[in-house]
C-alpha atoms as a PDB file:
ATOM      1  CA  MET A   1     119.266  85.272 126.934  1.00  0.00           C
ATOM      2  CA  ALA A   2     119.489  81.487 126.963  1.00  0.00           C
ATOM      3  CA  MET A   3     116.385  79.306 126.811  1.00  0.00           C
ATOM      4  CA  PRO A   4     115.685  77.201 129.757  1.00  0.00           C
ATOM      5  CA  ILE A   5     117.168  73.637 129.341  1.00  0.00           C
ATOM      6  CA  LEU A   6     113.735  71.960 129.714  1.00  0.00           C
ATOM      7  CA  THR A   7     112.222  74.118 126.882  1.00  0.00           C
ATOM      8  CA  THR A   8     115.244  73.259 124.613  1.00  0.00           C
ATOM      9  CA  ALA A   9     114.991  69.619 125.360  1.00  0.00           C
ATOM     10  CA  ALA A  10     111.320  69.492 124.830  1.00  0.00           C
ATOM     11  CA  ALA A  11     111.707  71.267 121.487  1.00  0.00           C
ATOM     12  CA  ARG A  12     114.377  68.721 120.449  1.00  0.00           C
ATOM     13  CA  ILE A  13     112.381  65.813 121.504  1.00  0.00           C
ATOM     14  CA  ALA A  14     109.269  67.116 119.537  1.00  0.00           C
ATOM     15  CA  ARG A  15     111.440  67.853 116.529  1.00  0.00           C
ATOM     16  CA  GLU A  16     113.161  64.497 116.343  1.00  0.00           C
ATOM     17  CA  ARG A  17     109.795  62.667 116.886  1.00  0.00           C
ATOM     18  CA  LYS A  18     108.298  64.471 113.958  1.00  0.00           C
ATOM     19  CA  ILE A  19     111.174  63.932 111.745  1.00  0.00           C
ATOM     20  CA  ARG A  20     110.897  60.119 112.352  1.00  0.00           C
ATOM     21  CA  GLY A  21     107.093  60.194 111.774  1.00  0.00           C
ATOM     22  CA  LEU A  22     106.194  59.050 115.258  1.00  0.00           C
ATOM     23  CA  THR A  23     103.156  59.964 117.320  1.00  0.00           C
ATOM     24  CA  GLN A  24     103.659  60.868 120.939  1.00  0.00           C
ATOM     25  CA  ARG A  25     102.065  57.469 121.894  1.00  0.00           C
ATOM     26  CA  ALA A  26     104.506  55.579 119.629  1.00  0.00           C
ATOM     27  CA  LEU A  27     107.498  57.364 121.050  1.00  0.00           C
ATOM     28  CA  ALA A  28     106.211  56.821 124.559  1.00  0.00           C
ATOM     29  CA  ASP A  29     105.860  53.049 123.863  1.00  0.00           C
ATOM     30  CA  LEU A  30     109.333  52.919 122.264  1.00  0.00           C
ATOM     31  CA  SER A  31     111.107  54.742 125.108  1.00  0.00           C
ATOM     32  CA  ALA A  32     109.355  52.918 127.953  1.00  0.00           C
ATOM     33  CA  VAL A  33     107.883  56.192 129.520  1.00  0.00           C
ATOM     34  CA  SER A  34     104.288  56.823 129.815  1.00  0.00           C
ATOM     35  CA  TYR A  35     102.283  58.764 127.349  1.00  0.00           C
ATOM     36  CA  SER A  36     101.269  61.097 129.987  1.00  0.00           C
ATOM     37  CA  THR A  37     104.891  61.868 130.947  1.00  0.00           C
ATOM     38  CA  LEU A  38     105.868  62.406 127.348  1.00  0.00           C
ATOM     39  CA  THR A  39     103.026  64.855 126.756  1.00  0.00           C
ATOM     40  CA  LYS A  40     103.964  66.827 129.835  1.00  0.00           C
ATOM     41  CA  VAL A  41     107.618  67.045 128.647  1.00  0.00           C
ATOM     42  CA  GLU A  42     106.869  68.103 125.110  1.00  0.00           C
END
């Protein structure tokens, strides 16, 4: 059974963020989305 796309995307975002040593707040600032939005996505 395939994973839902949003779950897969959220996992990829979190993994790549951690690999790069970024906090959620730092990634939000760099990507021009709100911290609140990013935490909901992840």
